[in-house]
Amino acid sequence: MISTTTPSIEGKQITEYKGIVFGEVVAGVNVIKDFKAGLSNIFGGRSTTYEDELIQARQQAIAEMEERAAQLGANAVVGVDIDYEVLGSDNGMLMVTASGTAVNIQ
């Protein structure tokens, strides 16, 4: 399945709009990962622990969005948008949402 942030796909014609689709992932970061990320904060540098969590959550959200598009009979998703949010009183949860328009292309 093709997923793109653009409203169209070059060289392809949209033949049918199926509707808006979403993929949502809420991921928690455990104590050990939080500790390792805190060390990066103290000593400087990138937090690969959080980066890996973010990458995995984004990939899962996109996959879920594409699965929902396929359930509608679509073969592509256009206008994809990815949003990130932290949840919880201690900001311990990461929410990633992928949304777009499910379409059929030729």
Foldseek 3Di string as FASTA:
>chain_A
DAEEQAQDDPPKDFDWWQFKFKFKDKDFDDPVLVVQQVVCVVVPDDSVSVVVVVVVRQVRGVVRRVVVLVVSVADYWYNKDKDWDFDDPVSRMIMIMIMTIGTHID
